Amino acid sequence: MSNDHDAFDIGLRFALQVTGTELADEPPPGTPLARVRAYAAEHGEEAVTVDVIAAAQEGRL
């Protein structure tokens, strides 16, 4: 298993380097995902509904 994991990591790093991208732990500020995560942090994950996600996508959250 360790070799499979190492091969995956090497392939992932190569793909990121070739495409000029990077992995992030947090979504960029001001994005719908960032707004939903902030809402969930304040109100609890169980408060996140389809309507909350739609509001974030539309910029109303």
PDB file of N, CA and C in Angstrom:
ATOM      1  N   MET A   1       0.816  -1.201   0.000  1.00  0.00           N
ATOM      2  CA  MET A   1       0.000   0.000   0.000  1.00  0.00           C
ATOM      3  C   MET A   1       0.856   1.259   0.000  1.00  0.00           C
ATOM      4  N   SER A   2       1.926   1.222   0.716  1.00  0.00           N
ATOM      5  CA  SER A   2       2.768   2.409   0.824  1.00  0.00           C
ATOM      6  C   SER A   2       3.264   2.862  -0.537  1.00  0.00           C
ATOM      7  N   ASN A   3       3.623   1.911  -1.401  1.00  0.00           N
ATOM      8  CA  ASN A   3       4.093   2.276  -2.729  1.00  0.00           C
ATOM      9  C   ASN A   3       2.983   2.911  -3.559  1.00  0.00           C
ATOM     10  N   ASP A   4       1.749   2.410  -3.422  1.00  0.00           N
ATOM     11  CA  ASP A   4       0.619   3.006  -4.137  1.00  0.00           C
ATOM     12  C   ASP A   4       0.401   4.439  -3.691  1.00  0.00           C
ATOM     13  N   HIS A   5       0.489   4.658  -2.380  1.00  0.00           N
ATOM     14  CA  HIS A   5       0.295   6.006  -1.838  1.00  0.00           C
ATOM     15  C   HIS A   5       1.407   6.933  -2.327  1.00  0.00           C
ATOM     16  N   ASP A   6       2.632   6.458  -2.311  1.00  0.00           N
ATOM     17  CA  ASP A   6       3.753   7.266  -2.791  1.00  0.00           C
ATOM     18  C   ASP A   6       3.588   7.598  -4.269  1.00  0.00           C
ATOM     19  N   ALA A   7       3.172   6.627  -5.073  1.00  0.00           N
ATOM     20  CA  ALA A   7       2.981   6.857  -6.505  1.00  0.00           C
ATOM     21  C   ALA A   7       1.878   7.890  -6.733  1.00  0.00           C
ATOM     22  N   PHE A   8       0.824   7.812  -5.936  1.00  0.00           N
ATOM     23  CA  PHE A   8      -0.263   8.790  -6.055  1.00  0.00           C
ATOM     24  C   PHE A   8       0.248  10.186  -5.722  1.00  0.00           C
ATOM     25  N   ASP A   9       0.976  10.310  -4.626  1.00  0.00           N
ATOM     26  CA  ASP A   9       1.502  11.620  -4.225  1.00  0.00           C
ATOM     27  C   ASP A   9       2.434  12.201  -5.284  1.00  0.00           C
ATOM     28  N   ILE A  10       3.283  11.364  -5.843  1.00  0.00           N
ATOM     29  CA  ILE A  10       4.200  11.821  -6.882  1.00  0.00           C
ATOM     30  C   ILE A  10       3.416  12.271  -8.108  1.00  0.00           C
ATOM     31  N   GLY A  11       2.423  11.490  -8.507  1.00  0.00           N
ATOM     32  CA  GLY A  11       1.594  11.861  -9.654  1.00  0.00           C
ATOM     33  C   GLY A  11       0.816  13.141  -9.407  1.00  0.00           C
ATOM     34  N   LEU A  12       0.294  13.291  -8.194  1.00  0.00           N
ATOM     35  CA  LEU A  12      -0.448  14.501  -7.854  1.00  0.00           C
ATOM     36  C   LEU A  12       0.461  15.721  -7.886  1.00  0.00           C
ATOM     37  N   ARG A  13       1.629  15.611  -7.279  1.00  0.00           N
ATOM     38  CA  ARG A  13       2.568  16.752  -7.302  1.00  0.00           C
ATOM     39  C   ARG A  13       2.963  17.116  -8.730  1.00  0.00           C
ATOM     40  N   PHE A  14       3.183  16.116  -9.571  1.00  0.00           N
ATOM     41  CA  PHE A  14       3.531  16.367 -10.962  1.00  0.00           C
ATOM     42  C   PHE A  14       2.389  17.085 -11.672  1.00  0.00           C
ATOM     43  N   ALA A  15       1.159  16.599 -11.490  1.00  0.00           N
ATOM     44  CA  ALA A  15      -0.001  17.219 -12.144  1.00  0.00           C
ATOM     45  C   ALA A  15      -0.173  18.666 -11.682  1.00  0.00           C
ATOM     46  N   LEU A  16      -0.006  18.911 -10.406  1.00  0.00           N
ATOM     47  CA  LEU A  16      -0.125  20.278  -9.889  1.00  0.00           C
ATOM     48  C   LEU A  16       0.941  21.181 -10.493  1.00  0.00           C
ATOM     49  N   GLN A  17       2.162  20.665 -10.592  1.00  0.00           N
ATOM     50  CA  GLN A  17       3.260  21.463 -11.152  1.00  0.00           C
ATOM     51  C   GLN A  17       3.021  21.762 -12.628  1.00  0.00           C
ATOM     52  N   VAL A  18       2.575  20.769 -13.378  1.00  0.00           N
ATOM     53  CA  VAL A  18       2.350  20.945 -14.815  1.00  0.00           C
ATOM     54  C   VAL A  18       1.228  21.945 -15.080  1.00  0.00           C
ATOM     55  N   THR A  19       0.174  21.891 -14.262  1.00  0.00           N
ATOM     56  CA  THR A  19      -0.971  22.773 -14.479  1.00  0.00           C
ATOM     57  C   THR A  19      -0.817  24.127 -13.796  1.00  0.00           C
ATOM     58  N   GLY A  20       0.204  24.271 -12.973  1.00  0.00           N
ATOM     59  CA  GLY A  20       0.422  25.546 -12.287  1.00  0.00           C
ATOM     60  C   GLY A  20      -0.606  25.816 -11.202  1.00  0.00           C
ATOM     61  N   THR A  21      -1.119  24.762 -10.596  1.00  0.00           N
ATOM     62  CA  THR A  21      -2.123  24.919  -9.541  1.00  0.00           C
ATOM     63  C   THR A  21      -1.560  24.467  -8.207  1.00  0.00           C
ATOM     64  N   GLU A  22      -2.325  24.712  -7.162  1.00  0.00           N
ATOM     65  CA  GLU A  22      -1.932  24.245  -5.836  1.00  0.00           C
ATOM     66  C   GLU A  22      -3.177  23.818  -5.064  1.00  0.00           C
ATOM     67  N   LEU A  23      -2.975  22.961  -4.093  1.00  0.00           N
ATOM     68  CA  LEU A  23      -4.072  22.528  -3.242  1.00  0.00           C
ATOM     69  C   LEU A  23      -4.206  23.507  -2.083  1.00  0.00           C
ATOM     70  N   ALA A  24      -5.426  23.739  -1.675  1.00  0.00           N
ATOM     71  CA  ALA A  24      -5.666  24.646  -0.557  1.00  0.00           C
ATOM     72  C   ALA A  24      -6.518  23.934   0.488  1.00  0.00           C
ATOM     73  N   ASP A  25      -6.308  24.287   1.740  1.00  0.00           N
ATOM     74  CA  ASP A  25      -7.108  23.721   2.821  1.00  0.00           C
ATOM     75  C   ASP A  25      -8.413  24.483   3.002  1.00  0.00           C
ATOM     76  N   GLU A  26      -8.439  25.728   2.614  1.00  0.00           N
ATOM     77  CA  GLU A  26      -9.614  26.583   2.767  1.00  0.00           C
ATOM     78  C   GLU A  26     -10.015  27.155   1.405  1.00  0.00           C
ATOM     79  N   PRO A  27     -11.303  27.372   1.181  1.00  0.00           N
ATOM     80  CA  PRO A  27     -11.720  27.993  -0.084  1.00  0.00           C
ATOM     81  C   PRO A  27     -11.323  29.466  -0.103  1.00  0.00           C
ATOM     82  N   PRO A  28     -11.128  30.023  -1.278  1.00  0.00           N
ATOM     83  CA  PRO A  28     -10.801  31.446  -1.363  1.00  0.00           C
ATOM     84  C   PRO A  28     -11.910  32.299  -0.740  1.00  0.00           C
ATOM     85  N   PRO A  29     -11.565  33.371  -0.048  1.00  0.00           N
ATOM     86  CA  PRO A  29     -12.574  34.241   0.562  1.00  0.00           C
ATOM     87  C   PRO A  29     -13.530  34.803  -0.496  1.00  0.00           C
ATOM     88  N   GLY A  30     -14.777  34.959  -0.104  1.00  0.00           N
ATOM     89  CA  GLY A  30     -15.762  35.546  -0.994  1.00  0.00           C
ATOM     90  C   GLY A  30     -16.419  34.571  -1.954  1.00  0.00           C
ATOM     91  N   THR A  31     -16.006  33.316  -1.921  1.00  0.00           N
ATOM     92  CA  THR A  31     -16.627  32.318  -2.793  1.00  0.00           C
ATOM     93  C   THR A  31     -17.856  31.736  -2.108  1.00  0.00           C
ATOM     94  N   PRO A  32     -18.762  31.148  -2.881  1.00  0.00           N
ATOM     95  CA  PRO A  32     -19.935  30.537  -2.256  1.00  0.00           C
ATOM     96  C   PRO A  32     -19.567  29.487  -1.199  1.00  0.00           C
ATOM     97  N   LEU A  33     -18.550  28.693  -1.464  1.00  0.00           N
ATOM     98  CA  LEU A  33     -18.155  27.678  -0.493  1.00  0.00           C
ATOM     99  C   LEU A  33     -17.655  28.323   0.794  1.00  0.00           C
ATOM    100  N   ALA A  34     -16.903  29.399   0.690  1.00  0.00           N
ATOM    101  CA  ALA A  34     -16.423  30.093   1.885  1.00  0.00           C
ATOM    102  C   ALA A  34     -17.595  30.648   2.685  1.00  0.00           C
ATOM    103  N   ARG A  35     -18.599  31.174   1.994  1.00  0.00           N
ATOM    104  CA  ARG A  35     -19.773  31.716   2.689  1.00  0.00           C
ATOM    105  C   ARG A  35     -20.564  30.612   3.383  1.00  0.00           C
ATOM    106  N   VAL A  36     -20.706  29.457   2.735  1.00  0.00           N
ATOM    107  CA  VAL A  36     -21.419  28.338   3.352  1.00  0.00           C
ATOM    108  C   VAL A  36     -20.655  27.827   4.565  1.00  0.00           C
ATOM    109  N   ARG A  37     -19.352  27.735   4.466  1.00  0.00           N
ATOM    110  CA  ARG A  37     -18.552  27.262   5.599  1.00  0.00           C
ATOM    111  C   ARG A  37     -18.633  28.239   6.770  1.00  0.00           C
ATOM    112  N   ALA A  38     -18.626  29.532   6.489  1.00  0.00           N
ATOM    113  CA  ALA A  38     -18.756  30.528   7.553  1.00  0.00           C
ATOM    114  C   ALA A  38     -20.140  30.424   8.195  1.00  0.00           C
ATOM    115  N   TYR A  39     -21.166  30.232   7.390  1.00  0.00           N
ATOM    116  CA  TYR A  39     -22.527  30.080   7.893  1.00  0.00           C
ATOM    117  C   TYR A  39     -22.602  28.843   8.801  1.00  0.00           C
ATOM    118  N   ALA A  40     -22.025  27.745   8.357  1.00  0.00           N
ATOM    119  CA  ALA A  40     -22.040  26.508   9.138  1.00  0.00           C
ATOM    120  C   ALA A  40     -21.279  26.680  10.449  1.00  0.00           C
ATOM    121  N   ALA A  41     -20.189  27.426  10.423  1.00  0.00           N
ATOM    122  CA  ALA A  41     -19.419  27.661  11.646  1.00  0.00           C
ATOM    123  C   ALA A  41     -20.236  28.457  12.653  1.00  0.00           C
ATOM    124  N   GLU A  42     -21.044  29.363  12.162  1.00  0.00           N
ATOM    125  CA  GLU A  42     -21.844  30.220  13.048  1.00  0.00           C
ATOM    126  C   GLU A  42     -23.133  29.542  13.514  1.00  0.00           C
ATOM    127  N   HIS A  43     -23.796  28.815  12.608  1.00  0.00           N
ATOM    128  CA  HIS A  43     -25.122  28.267  12.905  1.00  0.00           C
ATOM    129  C   HIS A  43     -25.146  26.754  13.092  1.00  0.00           C
ATOM    130  N   GLY A  44     -24.052  26.085  12.829  1.00  0.00           N
ATOM    131  CA  GLY A  44     -23.994  24.626  12.909  1.00  0.00           C
ATOM    132  C   GLY A  44     -24.233  24.000  11.547  1.00  0.00           C
ATOM    133  N   GLU A  45     -23.579  22.874  11.338  1.00  0.00           N
ATOM    134  CA  GLU A  45     -23.674  22.206  10.038  1.00  0.00           C
ATOM    135  C   GLU A  45     -25.090  21.768   9.708  1.00  0.00           C
ATOM    136  N   GLU A  46     -25.865  21.427  10.726  1.00  0.00           N
ATOM    137  CA  GLU A  46     -27.233  20.962  10.469  1.00  0.00           C
ATOM    138  C   GLU A  46     -28.126  22.084   9.935  1.00  0.00           C
ATOM    139  N   ALA A  47     -27.683  23.339  10.090  1.00  0.00           N
ATOM    140  CA  ALA A  47     -28.466  24.479   9.593  1.00  0.00           C
ATOM    141  C   ALA A  47     -28.247  24.729   8.099  1.00  0.00           C
ATOM    142  N   VAL A  48     -27.256  24.069   7.525  1.00  0.00           N
ATOM    143  CA  VAL A  48     -26.978  24.257   6.094  1.00  0.00           C
ATOM    144  C   VAL A  48     -27.988  23.443   5.296  1.00  0.00           C
ATOM    145  N   THR A  49     -28.800  24.139   4.535  1.00  0.00           N
ATOM    146  CA  THR A  49     -29.841  23.508   3.729  1.00  0.00           C
ATOM    147  C   THR A  49     -29.612  23.844   2.259  1.00  0.00           C
ATOM    148  N   VAL A  50     -30.435  23.287   1.423  1.00  0.00           N
ATOM    149  CA  VAL A  50     -30.372  23.591  -0.004  1.00  0.00           C
ATOM    150  C   VAL A  50     -30.589  25.090  -0.228  1.00  0.00           C
ATOM    151  N   ASP A  51     -31.481  25.688   0.545  1.00  0.00           N
ATOM    152  CA  ASP A  51     -31.746  27.122   0.411  1.00  0.00           C
ATOM    153  C   ASP A  51     -30.531  27.967   0.800  1.00  0.00           C
ATOM    154  N   VAL A  52     -29.803  27.529   1.817  1.00  0.00           N
ATOM    155  CA  VAL A  52     -28.593  28.252   2.238  1.00  0.00           C
ATOM    156  C   VAL A  52     -27.547  28.185   1.126  1.00  0.00           C
ATOM    157  N   ILE A  53     -27.396  27.022   0.542  1.00  0.00           N
ATOM    158  CA  ILE A  53     -26.419  26.866  -0.540  1.00  0.00           C
ATOM    159  C   ILE A  53     -26.828  27.715  -1.749  1.00  0.00           C
ATOM    160  N   ALA A  54     -28.110  27.718  -2.070  1.00  0.00           N
ATOM    161  CA  ALA A  54     -28.594  28.543  -3.193  1.00  0.00           C
ATOM    162  C   ALA A  54     -28.349  30.022  -2.898  1.00  0.00           C
ATOM    163  N   ALA A  55     -28.592  30.452  -1.661  1.00  0.00           N
ATOM    164  CA  ALA A  55     -28.351  31.853  -1.296  1.00  0.00           C
ATOM    165  C   ALA A  55     -26.869  32.196  -1.438  1.00  0.00           C
ATOM    166  N   ALA A  56     -26.002  31.286  -1.051  1.00  0.00           N
ATOM    167  CA  ALA A  56     -24.557  31.535  -1.194  1.00  0.00           C
ATOM    168  C   ALA A  56     -24.164  31.634  -2.658  1.00  0.00           C
ATOM    169  N   GLN A  57     -24.726  30.781  -3.488  1.00  0.00           N
ATOM    170  CA  GLN A  57     -24.411  30.811  -4.920  1.00  0.00           C
ATOM    171  C   GLN A  57     -24.917  32.106  -5.569  1.00  0.00           C
ATOM    172  N   GLU A  58     -26.026  32.608  -5.081  1.00  0.00           N
ATOM    173  CA  GLU A  58     -26.606  33.831  -5.646  1.00  0.00           C
ATOM    174  C   GLU A  58     -26.033  35.100  -5.013  1.00  0.00           C
ATOM    175  N   GLY A  59     -25.167  34.927  -4.006  1.00  0.00           N
ATOM    176  CA  GLY A  59     -24.545  36.086  -3.352  1.00  0.00           C
ATOM    177  C   GLY A  59     -25.406  36.723  -2.290  1.00  0.00           C
ATOM    178  N   ARG A  60     -26.460  36.038  -1.841  1.00  0.00           N
ATOM    179  CA  ARG A  60     -27.342  36.592  -0.828  1.00  0.00           C
ATOM    180  C   ARG A  60     -26.954  36.172   0.586  1.00  0.00           C
ATOM    181  N   LEU A  61     -25.916  35.408   0.748  1.00  0.00           N
ATOM    182  CA  LEU A  61     -25.513  34.929   2.065  1.00  0.00           C
ATOM    183  C   LEU A  61     -24.292  35.650   2.533  1.00  0.00           C
TER     184      LEU A  61
END
